[in-house]
Amino acid sequence: HRHYAIHQGKAFFNELVTFITASPIIA
């Protein structure tokens, strides 16, 4: 939510959060 704050309120926001938190990432 903090990283993608600029997209809050957009139609794809919840799907984006679900996707990015689904499994590990590399930062």
mmCIF file of all heavy atoms, coordinates in Angstrom:
data_MODEL
# 
_entry.id   MODEL 
# 
loop_
_atom_site.group_PDB 
_atom_site.id 
_atom_site.type_symbol 
_atom_site.label_atom_id 
_atom_site.label_alt_id 
_atom_site.label_comp_id 
_atom_site.label_asym_id 
_atom_site.label_entity_id 
_atom_site.label_seq_id 
_atom_site.pdbx_PDB_ins_code 
_atom_site.Cartn_x 
_atom_site.Cartn_y 
_atom_site.Cartn_z 
_atom_site.occupancy 
_atom_site.B_iso_or_equiv 
_atom_site.pdbx_formal_charge 
_atom_site.auth_seq_id 
_atom_site.auth_comp_id 
_atom_site.auth_asym_id 
_atom_site.auth_atom_id 
_atom_site.pdbx_PDB_model_num 
ATOM 1   N N   . HIS A 1 1  ? 0.829   -1.212  0.000   1.00 0.00 ? 1  HIS A N   1 
ATOM 2   C CA  . HIS A 1 1  ? 0.000   0.000   0.000   1.00 0.00 ? 1  HIS A CA  1 
ATOM 3   C C   . HIS A 1 1  ? 0.860   1.258   0.000   1.00 0.00 ? 1  HIS A C   1 
ATOM 4   O O   . HIS A 1 1  ? 0.540   2.225   -0.693  1.00 0.00 ? 1  HIS A O   1 
ATOM 5   C CB  . HIS A 1 1  ? -0.958  -0.002  1.203   1.00 0.00 ? 1  HIS A CB  1 
ATOM 6   C CG  . HIS A 1 1  ? -2.179  -0.833  0.984   1.00 0.00 ? 1  HIS A CG  1 
ATOM 7   N ND1 . HIS A 1 1  ? -3.400  -0.291  0.650   1.00 0.00 ? 1  HIS A ND1 1 
ATOM 8   C CD2 . HIS A 1 1  ? -2.364  -2.180  1.035   1.00 0.00 ? 1  HIS A CD2 1 
ATOM 9   C CE1 . HIS A 1 1  ? -4.283  -1.272  0.514   1.00 0.00 ? 1  HIS A CE1 1 
ATOM 10  N NE2 . HIS A 1 1  ? -3.669  -2.427  0.740   1.00 0.00 ? 1  HIS A NE2 1 
ATOM 11  N N   . ARG A 1 2  ? 1.958   1.245   0.749   1.00 0.00 ? 2  ARG A N   1 
ATOM 12  C CA  . ARG A 1 2  ? 2.848   2.415   0.774   1.00 0.00 ? 2  ARG A CA  1 
ATOM 13  C C   . ARG A 1 2  ? 3.576   2.566   -0.560  1.00 0.00 ? 2  ARG A C   1 
ATOM 14  O O   . ARG A 1 2  ? 3.696   3.675   -1.088  1.00 0.00 ? 2  ARG A O   1 
ATOM 15  C CB  . ARG A 1 2  ? 3.849   2.309   1.921   1.00 0.00 ? 2  ARG A CB  1 
ATOM 16  C CG  . ARG A 1 2  ? 3.190   2.587   3.281   1.00 0.00 ? 2  ARG A CG  1 
ATOM 17  C CD  . ARG A 1 2  ? 4.172   2.511   4.424   1.00 0.00 ? 2  ARG A CD  1 
ATOM 18  N NE  . ARG A 1 2  ? 4.380   1.086   4.723   1.00 0.00 ? 2  ARG A NE  1 
ATOM 19  C CZ  . ARG A 1 2  ? 5.514   0.545   5.133   1.00 0.00 ? 2  ARG A CZ  1 
ATOM 20  N NH1 . ARG A 1 2  ? 6.584   1.292   5.326   1.00 0.00 ? 2  ARG A NH1 1 
ATOM 21  N NH2 . ARG A 1 2  ? 5.598   -0.743  5.374   1.00 0.00 ? 2  ARG A NH2 1 
ATOM 22  N N   . HIS A 1 3  ? 4.051   1.461   -1.102  1.00 0.00 ? 3  HIS A N   1 
ATOM 23  C CA  . HIS A 1 3  ? 4.800   1.523   -2.362  1.00 0.00 ? 3  HIS A CA  1 
ATOM 24  C C   . HIS A 1 3  ? 3.917   1.963   -3.525  1.00 0.00 ? 3  HIS A C   1 
ATOM 25  O O   . HIS A 1 3  ? 4.343   2.744   -4.377  1.00 0.00 ? 3  HIS A O   1 
ATOM 26  C CB  . HIS A 1 3  ? 5.444   0.170   -2.664  1.00 0.00 ? 3  HIS A CB  1 
ATOM 27  C CG  . HIS A 1 3  ? 6.197   0.160   -3.948  1.00 0.00 ? 3  HIS A CG  1 
ATOM 28  N ND1 . HIS A 1 3  ? 7.338   0.904   -4.149  1.00 0.00 ? 3  HIS A ND1 1 
ATOM 29  C CD2 . HIS A 1 3  ? 5.962   -0.484  -5.121  1.00 0.00 ? 3  HIS A CD2 1 
ATOM 30  C CE1 . HIS A 1 3  ? 7.779   0.710   -5.379  1.00 0.00 ? 3  HIS A CE1 1 
ATOM 31  N NE2 . HIS A 1 3  ? 6.959   -0.127  -5.987  1.00 0.00 ? 3  HIS A NE2 1 
ATOM 32  N N   . TYR A 1 4  ? 2.705   1.451   -3.588  1.00 0.00 ? 4  TYR A N   1 
ATOM 33  C CA  . TYR A 1 4  ? 1.798   1.753   -4.698  1.00 0.00 ? 4  TYR A CA  1 
ATOM 34  C C   . TYR A 1 4  ? 0.742   2.800   -4.328  1.00 0.00 ? 4  TYR A C   1 
ATOM 35  O O   . TYR A 1 4  ? -0.326  2.844   -4.943  1.00 0.00 ? 4  TYR A O   1 
ATOM 36  C CB  . TYR A 1 4  ? 1.129   0.470   -5.194  1.00 0.00 ? 4  TYR A CB  1 
ATOM 37  C CG  . TYR A 1 4  ? 2.073   -0.448  -5.933  1.00 0.00 ? 4  TYR A CG  1 
ATOM 38  C CD1 . TYR A 1 4  ? 2.386   -1.709  -5.441  1.00 0.00 ? 4  TYR A CD1 1 
ATOM 39  C CD2 . TYR A 1 4  ? 2.661   -0.062  -7.137  1.00 0.00 ? 4  TYR A CD2 1 
ATOM 40  C CE1 . TYR A 1 4  ? 3.243   -2.557  -6.122  1.00 0.00 ? 4  TYR A CE1 1 
ATOM 41  C CE2 . TYR A 1 4  ? 3.519   -0.894  -7.824  1.00 0.00 ? 4  TYR A CE2 1 
ATOM 42  C CZ  . TYR A 1 4  ? 3.815   -2.137  -7.313  1.00 0.00 ? 4  TYR A CZ  1 
ATOM 43  O OH  . TYR A 1 4  ? 4.667   -2.969  -7.994  1.00 0.00 ? 4  TYR A OH  1 
ATOM 44  N N   . ALA A 1 5  ? 1.025   3.639   -3.357  1.00 0.00 ? 5  ALA A N   1 
ATOM 45  C CA  . ALA A 1 5  ? 0.064   4.649   -2.885  1.00 0.00 ? 5  ALA A CA  1 
ATOM 46  C C   . ALA A 1 5  ? -0.473  5.521   -4.018  1.00 0.00 ? 5  ALA A C   1 
ATOM 47  O O   . ALA A 1 5  ? -1.642  5.911   -4.006  1.00 0.00 ? 5  ALA A O   1 
ATOM 48  C CB  . ALA A 1 5  ? 0.697   5.514   -1.801  1.00 0.00 ? 5  ALA A CB  1 
ATOM 49  N N   . ILE A 1 6  ? 0.343   5.819   -4.997  1.00 0.00 ? 6  ILE A N   1 
ATOM 50  C CA  . ILE A 1 6  ? -0.071  6.659   -6.127  1.00 0.00 ? 6  ILE A CA  1 
ATOM 51  C C   . ILE A 1 6  ? -1.232  6.038   -6.904  1.00 0.00 ? 6  ILE A C   1 
ATOM 52  O O   . ILE A 1 6  ? -1.996  6.734   -7.562  1.00 0.00 ? 6  ILE A O   1 
ATOM 53  C CB  . ILE A 1 6  ? 1.124   6.950   -7.061  1.00 0.00 ? 6  ILE A CB  1 
ATOM 54  C CG1 . ILE A 1 6  ? 0.779   8.045   -8.055  1.00 0.00 ? 6  ILE A CG1 1 
ATOM 55  C CG2 . ILE A 1 6  ? 1.587   5.688   -7.767  1.00 0.00 ? 6  ILE A CG2 1 
ATOM 56  C CD1 . ILE A 1 6  ? 1.957   8.598   -8.807  1.00 0.00 ? 6  ILE A CD1 1 
ATOM 57  N N   . HIS A 1 7  ? -1.388  4.715   -6.809  1.00 0.00 ? 7  HIS A N   1 
ATOM 58  C CA  . HIS A 1 7  ? -2.442  4.023   -7.551  1.00 0.00 ? 7  HIS A CA  1 
ATOM 59  C C   . HIS A 1 7  ? -3.693  3.740   -6.714  1.00 0.00 ? 7  HIS A C   1 
ATOM 60  O O   . HIS A 1 7  ? -4.657  3.169   -7.239  1.00 0.00 ? 7  HIS A O   1 
ATOM 61  C CB  . HIS A 1 7  ? -1.907  2.709   -8.118  1.00 0.00 ? 7  HIS A CB  1 
ATOM 62  C CG  . HIS A 1 7  ? -0.785  2.888   -9.086  1.00 0.00 ? 7  HIS A CG  1 
ATOM 63  N ND1 . HIS A 1 7  ? -0.885  3.657   -10.227 1.00 0.00 ? 7  HIS A ND1 1 
ATOM 64  C CD2 . HIS A 1 7  ? 0.485   2.409   -9.075  1.00 0.00 ? 7  HIS A CD2 1 
ATOM 65  C CE1 . HIS A 1 7  ? 0.253   3.636   -10.879 1.00 0.00 ? 7  HIS A CE1 1 
ATOM 66  N NE2 . HIS A 1 7  ? 1.110   2.889   -10.199 1.00 0.00 ? 7  HIS A NE2 1 
ATOM 67  N N   . GLN A 1 8  ? -3.684  4.127   -5.433  1.00 0.00 ? 8  GLN A N   1 
ATOM 68  C CA  . GLN A 1 8  ? -4.865  3.876   -4.598  1.00 0.00 ? 8  GLN A CA  1 
ATOM 69  C C   . GLN A 1 8  ? -6.085  4.549   -5.219  1.00 0.00 ? 8  GLN A C   1 
ATOM 70  O O   . GLN A 1 8  ? -6.010  5.655   -5.727  1.00 0.00 ? 8  GLN A O   1 
ATOM 71  C CB  . GLN A 1 8  ? -4.649  4.373   -3.177  1.00 0.00 ? 8  GLN A CB  1 
ATOM 72  C CG  . GLN A 1 8  ? -3.826  3.401   -2.373  1.00 0.00 ? 8  GLN A CG  1 
ATOM 73  C CD  . GLN A 1 8  ? -3.710  3.785   -0.909  1.00 0.00 ? 8  GLN A CD  1 
ATOM 74  O OE1 . GLN A 1 8  ? -3.806  4.943   -0.541  1.00 0.00 ? 8  GLN A OE1 1 
ATOM 75  N NE2 . GLN A 1 8  ? -3.484  2.785   -0.075  1.00 0.00 ? 8  GLN A NE2 1 
ATOM 76  N N   . GLY A 1 9  ? -7.187  3.824   -5.212  1.00 0.00 ? 9  GLY A N   1 
ATOM 77  C CA  . GLY A 1 9  ? -8.423  4.338   -5.779  1.00 0.00 ? 9  GLY A CA  1 
ATOM 78  C C   . GLY A 1 9  ? -8.632  3.957   -7.238  1.00 0.00 ? 9  GLY A C   1 
ATOM 79  O O   . GLY A 1 9  ? -9.725  4.113   -7.772  1.00 0.00 ? 9  GLY A O   1 
ATOM 80  N N   . LYS A 1 10 ? -7.590  3.464   -7.894  1.00 0.00 ? 10 LYS A N   1 
ATOM 81  C CA  . LYS A 1 10 ? -7.723  3.043   -9.290  1.00 0.00 ? 10 LYS A CA  1 
ATOM 82  C C   . LYS A 1 10 ? -8.295  1.619   -9.329  1.00 0.00 ? 10 LYS A C   1 
ATOM 83  O O   . LYS A 1 10 ? -8.133  0.848   -8.399  1.00 0.00 ? 10 LYS A O   1 
ATOM 84  C CB  . LYS A 1 10 ? -6.371  3.100   -10.003 1.00 0.00 ? 10 LYS A CB  1 
ATOM 85  C CG  . LYS A 1 10 ? -5.843  4.530   -10.117 1.00 0.00 ? 10 LYS A CG  1 
ATOM 86  C CD  . LYS A 1 10 ? -4.510  4.587   -10.818 1.00 0.00 ? 10 LYS A CD  1 
ATOM 87  C CE  . LYS A 1 10 ? -4.018  6.029   -10.875 1.00 0.00 ? 10 LYS A CE  1 
ATOM 88  N NZ  . LYS A 1 10 ? -2.648  6.119   -11.418 1.00 0.00 ? 10 LYS A NZ  1 
ATOM 89  N N   . ALA A 1 11 ? -8.944  1.300   -10.431 1.00 0.00 ? 11 ALA A N   1 
ATOM 90  C CA  . ALA A 1 11 ? -9.645  0.019   -10.565 1.00 0.00 ? 11 ALA A CA  1 
ATOM 91  C C   . ALA A 1 11 ? -8.720  -1.187  -10.372 1.00 0.00 ? 11 ALA A C   1 
ATOM 92  O O   . ALA A 1 11 ? -9.149  -2.217  -9.861  1.00 0.00 ? 11 ALA A O   1 
ATOM 93  C CB  . ALA A 1 11 ? -10.317 -0.060  -11.935 1.00 0.00 ? 11 ALA A CB  1 
ATOM 94  N N   . PHE A 1 12 ? -7.467  -1.070  -10.742 1.00 0.00 ? 12 PHE A N   1 
ATOM 95  C CA  . PHE A 1 12 ? -6.551  -2.212  -10.679 1.00 0.00 ? 12 PHE A CA  1 
ATOM 96  C C   . PHE A 1 12 ? -5.780  -2.307  -9.360  1.00 0.00 ? 12 PHE A C   1 
ATOM 97  O O   . PHE A 1 12 ? -5.003  -3.253  -9.172  1.00 0.00 ? 12 PHE A O   1 
ATOM 98  C CB  . PHE A 1 12 ? -5.551  -2.150  -11.843 1.00 0.00 ? 12 PHE A CB  1 
ATOM 99  C CG  . PHE A 1 12 ? -4.692  -0.911  -11.846 1.00 0.00 ? 12 PHE A CG  1 
ATOM 100 C CD1 . PHE A 1 12 ? -3.510  -0.853  -11.107 1.00 0.00 ? 12 PHE A CD1 1 
ATOM 101 C CD2 . PHE A 1 12 ? -5.067  0.204   -12.598 1.00 0.00 ? 12 PHE A CD2 1 
ATOM 102 C CE1 . PHE A 1 12 ? -2.712  0.283   -11.112 1.00 0.00 ? 12 PHE A CE1 1 
ATOM 103 C CE2 . PHE A 1 12 ? -4.267  1.347   -12.612 1.00 0.00 ? 12 PHE A CE2 1 
ATOM 104 C CZ  . PHE A 1 12 ? -3.093  1.389   -11.864 1.00 0.00 ? 12 PHE A CZ  1 
ATOM 105 N N   . PHE A 1 13 ? -5.996  -1.373  -8.430  1.00 0.00 ? 13 PHE A N   1 
ATOM 106 C CA  . PHE A 1 13 ? -5.174  -1.307  -7.213  1.00 0.00 ? 13 PHE A CA  1 
ATOM 107 C C   . PHE A 1 13 ? -5.238  -2.593  -6.382  1.00 0.00 ? 13 PHE A C   1 
ATOM 108 O O   . PHE A 1 13 ? -4.199  -3.141  -6.007  1.00 0.00 ? 13 PHE A O   1 
ATOM 109 C CB  . PHE A 1 13 ? -5.569  -0.105  -6.351  1.00 0.00 ? 13 PHE A CB  1 
ATOM 110 C CG  . PHE A 1 13 ? -4.740  0.011   -5.091  1.00 0.00 ? 13 PHE A CG  1 
ATOM 111 C CD1 . PHE A 1 13 ? -3.436  0.454   -5.144  1.00 0.00 ? 13 PHE A CD1 1 
ATOM 112 C CD2 . PHE A 1 13 ? -5.273  -0.343  -3.863  1.00 0.00 ? 13 PHE A CD2 1 
ATOM 113 C CE1 . PHE A 1 13 ? -2.665  0.551   -3.997  1.00 0.00 ? 13 PHE A CE1 1 
ATOM 114 C CE2 . PHE A 1 13 ? -4.512  -0.251  -2.705  1.00 0.00 ? 13 PHE A CE2 1 
ATOM 115 C CZ  . PHE A 1 13 ? -3.205  0.201   -2.778  1.00 0.00 ? 13 PHE A CZ  1 
ATOM 116 N N   . ASN A 1 14 ? -6.416  -3.084  -6.082  1.00 0.00 ? 14 ASN A N   1 
ATOM 117 C CA  . ASN A 1 14 ? -6.534  -4.284  -5.235  1.00 0.00 ? 14 ASN A CA  1 
ATOM 118 C C   . ASN A 1 14 ? -5.897  -5.503  -5.888  1.00 0.00 ? 14 ASN A C   1 
ATOM 119 O O   . ASN A 1 14 ? -5.228  -6.296  -5.224  1.00 0.00 ? 14 ASN A O   1 
ATOM 120 C CB  . ASN A 1 14 ? -8.000  -4.563  -4.886  1.00 0.00 ? 14 ASN A CB  1 
ATOM 121 C CG  . ASN A 1 14 ? -8.540  -3.540  -3.912  1.00 0.00 ? 14 ASN A CG  1 
ATOM 122 O OD1 . ASN A 1 14 ? -7.802  -2.925  -3.156  1.00 0.00 ? 14 ASN A OD1 1 
ATOM 123 N ND2 . ASN A 1 14 ? -9.845  -3.337  -3.950  1.00 0.00 ? 14 ASN A ND2 1 
ATOM 124 N N   . GLU A 1 15 ? -6.079  -5.644  -7.198  1.00 0.00 ? 15 GLU A N   1 
ATOM 125 C CA  . GLU A 1 15 ? -5.453  -6.755  -7.918  1.00 0.00 ? 15 GLU A CA  1 
ATOM 126 C C   . GLU A 1 15 ? -3.932  -6.636  -7.884  1.00 0.00 ? 15 GLU A C   1 
ATOM 127 O O   . GLU A 1 15 ? -3.214  -7.630  -7.735  1.00 0.00 ? 15 GLU A O   1 
ATOM 128 C CB  . GLU A 1 15 ? -5.946  -6.789  -9.367  1.00 0.00 ? 15 GLU A CB  1 
ATOM 129 C CG  . GLU A 1 15 ? -5.434  -7.980  -10.133 1.00 0.00 ? 15 GLU A CG  1 
ATOM 130 C CD  . GLU A 1 15 ? -5.976  -8.025  -11.565 1.00 0.00 ? 15 GLU A CD  1 
ATOM 131 O OE1 . GLU A 1 15 ? -7.056  -7.482  -11.839 1.00 0.00 ? 15 GLU A OE1 1 
ATOM 132 O OE2 . GLU A 1 15 ? -5.271  -8.627  -12.399 1.00 0.00 ? 15 GLU A OE2 1 
ATOM 133 N N   . LEU A 1 16 ? -3.423  -5.406  -7.993  1.00 0.00 ? 16 LEU A N   1 
ATOM 134 C CA  . LEU A 1 16 ? -1.981  -5.169  -7.932  1.00 0.00 ? 16 LEU A CA  1 
ATOM 135 C C   . LEU A 1 16 ? -1.415  -5.579  -6.575  1.00 0.00 ? 16 LEU A C   1 
ATOM 136 O O   . LEU A 1 16 ? -0.395  -6.275  -6.490  1.00 0.00 ? 16 LEU A O   1 
ATOM 137 C CB  . LEU A 1 16 ? -1.697  -3.686  -8.203  1.00 0.00 ? 16 LEU A CB  1 
ATOM 138 C CG  . LEU A 1 16 ? -0.254  -3.209  -8.095  1.00 0.00 ? 16 LEU A CG  1 
ATOM 139 C CD1 . LEU A 1 16 ? 0.651   -3.950  -9.070  1.00 0.00 ? 16 LEU A CD1 1 
ATOM 140 C CD2 . LEU A 1 16 ? -0.193  -1.712  -8.343  1.00 0.00 ? 16 LEU A CD2 1 
ATOM 141 N N   . VAL A 1 17 ? -2.101  -5.183  -5.496  1.00 0.00 ? 17 VAL A N   1 
ATOM 142 C CA  . VAL A 1 17 ? -1.654  -5.543  -4.142  1.00 0.00 ? 17 VAL A CA  1 
ATOM 143 C C   . VAL A 1 17 ? -1.688  -7.063  -3.958  1.00 0.00 ? 17 VAL A C   1 
ATOM 144 O O   . VAL A 1 17 ? -0.741  -7.651  -3.412  1.00 0.00 ? 17 VAL A O   1 
ATOM 145 C CB  . VAL A 1 17 ? -2.494  -4.812  -3.067  1.00 0.00 ? 17 VAL A CB  1 
ATOM 146 C CG1 . VAL A 1 17 ? -2.211  -5.367  -1.673  1.00 0.00 ? 17 VAL A CG1 1 
ATOM 147 C CG2 . VAL A 1 17 ? -2.228  -3.311  -3.120  1.00 0.00 ? 17 VAL A CG2 1 
ATOM 148 N N   . THR A 1 18 ? -2.755  -7.695  -4.412  1.00 0.00 ? 18 THR A N   1 
ATOM 149 C CA  . THR A 1 18 ? -2.863  -9.151  -4.301  1.00 0.00 ? 18 THR A CA  1 
ATOM 150 C C   . THR A 1 18 ? -1.720  -9.835  -5.057  1.00 0.00 ? 18 THR A C   1 
ATOM 151 O O   . THR A 1 18 ? -1.096  -10.766 -4.546  1.00 0.00 ? 18 THR A O   1 
ATOM 152 C CB  . THR A 1 18 ? -4.220  -9.637  -4.845  1.00 0.00 ? 18 THR A CB  1 
ATOM 153 O OG1 . THR A 1 18 ? -5.259  -9.040  -4.050  1.00 0.00 ? 18 THR A OG1 1 
ATOM 154 C CG2 . THR A 1 18 ? -4.341  -11.145 -4.802  1.00 0.00 ? 18 THR A CG2 1 
ATOM 155 N N   . PHE A 1 19 ? -1.417  -9.360  -6.245  1.00 0.00 ? 19 PHE A N   1 
ATOM 156 C CA  . PHE A 1 19 ? -0.358  -9.946  -7.061  1.00 0.00 ? 19 PHE A CA  1 
ATOM 157 C C   . PHE A 1 19 ? 1.016   -9.771  -6.414  1.00 0.00 ? 19 PHE A C   1 
ATOM 158 O O   . PHE A 1 19 ? 1.773   -10.725 -6.272  1.00 0.00 ? 19 PHE A O   1 
ATOM 159 C CB  . PHE A 1 19 ? -0.364  -9.310  -8.461  1.00 0.00 ? 19 PHE A CB  1 
ATOM 160 C CG  . PHE A 1 19 ? 0.878   -9.594  -9.259  1.00 0.00 ? 19 PHE A CG  1 
ATOM 161 C CD1 . PHE A 1 19 ? 1.179   -10.882 -9.667  1.00 0.00 ? 19 PHE A CD1 1 
ATOM 162 C CD2 . PHE A 1 19 ? 1.748   -8.567  -9.603  1.00 0.00 ? 19 PHE A CD2 1 
ATOM 163 C CE1 . PHE A 1 19 ? 2.326   -11.148 -10.402 1.00 0.00 ? 19 PHE A CE1 1 
ATOM 164 C CE2 . PHE A 1 19 ? 2.894   -8.821  -10.328 1.00 0.00 ? 19 PHE A CE2 1 
ATOM 165 C CZ  . PHE A 1 19 ? 3.187   -10.116 -10.737 1.00 0.00 ? 19 PHE A CZ  1 
ATOM 166 N N   . ILE A 1 20 ? 1.349   -8.561  -6.001  1.00 0.00 ? 20 ILE A N   1 
ATOM 167 C CA  . ILE A 1 20 ? 2.703   -8.274  -5.514  1.00 0.00 ? 20 ILE A CA  1 
ATOM 168 C C   . ILE A 1 20 ? 2.971   -8.927  -4.157  1.00 0.00 ? 20 ILE A C   1 
ATOM 169 O O   . ILE A 1 20 ? 4.116   -9.161  -3.789  1.00 0.00 ? 20 ILE A O   1 
ATOM 170 C CB  . ILE A 1 20 ? 2.978   -6.750  -5.479  1.00 0.00 ? 20 ILE A CB  1 
ATOM 171 C CG1 . ILE A 1 20 ? 4.482   -6.454  -5.525  1.00 0.00 ? 20 ILE A CG1 1 
ATOM 172 C CG2 . ILE A 1 20 ? 2.321   -6.075  -4.305  1.00 0.00 ? 20 ILE A CG2 1 
ATOM 173 C CD1 . ILE A 1 20 ? 5.152   -6.732  -6.830  1.00 0.00 ? 20 ILE A CD1 1 
ATOM 174 N N   . THR A 1 21 ? 1.914   -9.262  -3.416  1.00 0.00 ? 21 THR A N   1 
ATOM 175 C CA  . THR A 1 21 ? 2.080   -9.904  -2.109  1.00 0.00 ? 21 THR A CA  1 
ATOM 176 C C   . THR A 1 21 ? 1.904   -11.421 -2.164  1.00 0.00 ? 21 THR A C   1 
ATOM 177 O O   . THR A 1 21 ? 2.006   -12.094 -1.141  1.00 0.00 ? 21 THR A O   1 
ATOM 178 C CB  . THR A 1 21 ? 1.084   -9.320  -1.083  1.00 0.00 ? 21 THR A CB  1 
ATOM 179 O OG1 . THR A 1 21 ? -0.256  -9.538  -1.538  1.00 0.00 ? 21 THR A OG1 1 
ATOM 180 C CG2 . THR A 1 21 ? 1.318   -7.829  -0.853  1.00 0.00 ? 21 THR A CG2 1 
ATOM 181 N N   . ALA A 1 22 ? 1.656   -11.977 -3.343  1.00 0.00 ? 22 ALA A N   1 
ATOM 182 C CA  . ALA A 1 22 ? 1.343   -13.400 -3.483  1.00 0.00 ? 22 ALA A CA  1 
ATOM 183 C C   . ALA A 1 22 ? 2.528   -14.322 -3.227  1.00 0.00 ? 22 ALA A C   1 
ATOM 184 O O   . ALA A 1 22 ? 2.348   -15.429 -2.726  1.00 0.00 ? 22 ALA A O   1 
ATOM 185 C CB  . ALA A 1 22 ? 0.767   -13.668 -4.871  1.00 0.00 ? 22 ALA A CB  1 
ATOM 186 N N   . SER A 1 23 ? 3.712   -13.901 -3.598  1.00 0.00 ? 23 SER A N   1 
ATOM 187 C CA  . SER A 1 23 ? 4.908   -14.727 -3.403  1.00 0.00 ? 23 SER A CA  1 
ATOM 188 C C   . SER A 1 23 ? 6.133   -13.814 -3.392  1.00 0.00 ? 23 SER A C   1 
ATOM 189 O O   . SER A 1 23 ? 6.018   -12.621 -3.658  1.00 0.00 ? 23 SER A O   1 
ATOM 190 C CB  . SER A 1 23 ? 5.005   -15.811 -4.480  1.00 0.00 ? 23 SER A CB  1 
ATOM 191 O OG  . SER A 1 23 ? 5.158   -15.248 -5.757  1.00 0.00 ? 23 SER A OG  1 
ATOM 192 N N   . PRO A 1 24 ? 7.302   -14.357 -3.086  1.00 0.00 ? 24 PRO A N   1 
ATOM 193 C CA  . PRO A 1 24 ? 8.489   -13.512 -2.921  1.00 0.00 ? 24 PRO A CA  1 
ATOM 194 C C   . PRO A 1 24 ? 8.867   -12.704 -4.161  1.00 0.00 ? 24 PRO A C   1 
ATOM 195 O O   . PRO A 1 24 ? 8.567   -13.081 -5.296  1.00 0.00 ? 24 PRO A O   1 
ATOM 196 C CB  . PRO A 1 24 ? 9.597   -14.517 -2.593  1.00 0.00 ? 24 PRO A CB  1 
ATOM 197 C CG  . PRO A 1 24 ? 8.892   -15.686 -2.000  1.00 0.00 ? 24 PRO A CG  1 
ATOM 198 C CD  . PRO A 1 24 ? 7.591   -15.756 -2.751  1.00 0.00 ? 24 PRO A CD  1 
ATOM 199 N N   . ILE A 1 25 ? 9.534   -11.593 -3.883  1.00 0.00 ? 25 ILE A N   1 
ATOM 200 C CA  . ILE A 1 25 ? 10.082  -10.711 -4.912  1.00 0.00 ? 25 ILE A CA  1 
ATOM 201 C C   . ILE A 1 25 ? 11.570  -10.504 -4.610  1.00 0.00 ? 25 ILE A C   1 
ATOM 202 O O   . ILE A 1 25 ? 12.037  -10.835 -3.522  1.00 0.00 ? 25 ILE A O   1 
ATOM 203 C CB  . ILE A 1 25 ? 9.373   -9.336  -4.947  1.00 0.00 ? 25 ILE A CB  1 
ATOM 204 C CG1 . ILE A 1 25 ? 9.609   -8.568  -3.638  1.00 0.00 ? 25 ILE A CG1 1 
ATOM 205 C CG2 . ILE A 1 25 ? 7.892   -9.485  -5.254  1.00 0.00 ? 25 ILE A CG2 1 
ATOM 206 C CD1 . ILE A 1 25 ? 9.245   -7.101  -3.707  1.00 0.00 ? 25 ILE A CD1 1 
ATOM 207 N N   . ILE A 1 26 ? 12.267  -9.937  -5.564  1.00 0.00 ? 26 ILE A N   1 
ATOM 208 C CA  . ILE A 1 26 ? 13.633  -9.480  -5.360  1.00 0.00 ? 26 ILE A CA  1 
ATOM 209 C C   . ILE A 1 26 ? 13.602  -7.959  -5.402  1.00 0.00 ? 26 ILE A C   1 
ATOM 210 O O   . ILE A 1 26 ? 13.078  -7.374  -6.358  1.00 0.00 ? 26 ILE A O   1 
ATOM 211 C CB  . ILE A 1 26 ? 14.588  -9.994  -6.466  1.00 0.00 ? 26 ILE A CB  1 
ATOM 212 C CG1 . ILE A 1 26 ? 14.590  -11.516 -6.551  1.00 0.00 ? 26 ILE A CG1 1 
ATOM 213 C CG2 . ILE A 1 26 ? 16.002  -9.423  -6.272  1.00 0.00 ? 26 ILE A CG2 1 
ATOM 214 C CD1 . ILE A 1 26 ? 15.162  -12.234 -5.354  1.00 0.00 ? 26 ILE A CD1 1 
ATOM 215 N N   . ALA A 1 27 ? 14.135  -7.334  -4.358  1.00 0.00 ? 27 ALA A N   1 
ATOM 216 C CA  . ALA A 1 27 ? 14.300  -5.880  -4.338  1.00 0.00 ? 27 ALA A CA  1 
ATOM 217 C C   . ALA A 1 27 ? 15.786  -5.604  -4.505  1.00 0.00 ? 27 ALA A C   1 
ATOM 218 O O   . ALA A 1 27 ? 16.623  -6.262  -3.877  1.00 0.00 ? 27 ALA A O   1 
ATOM 219 C CB  . ALA A 1 27 ? 13.789  -5.298  -3.021  1.00 0.00 ? 27 ALA A CB  1 
# 
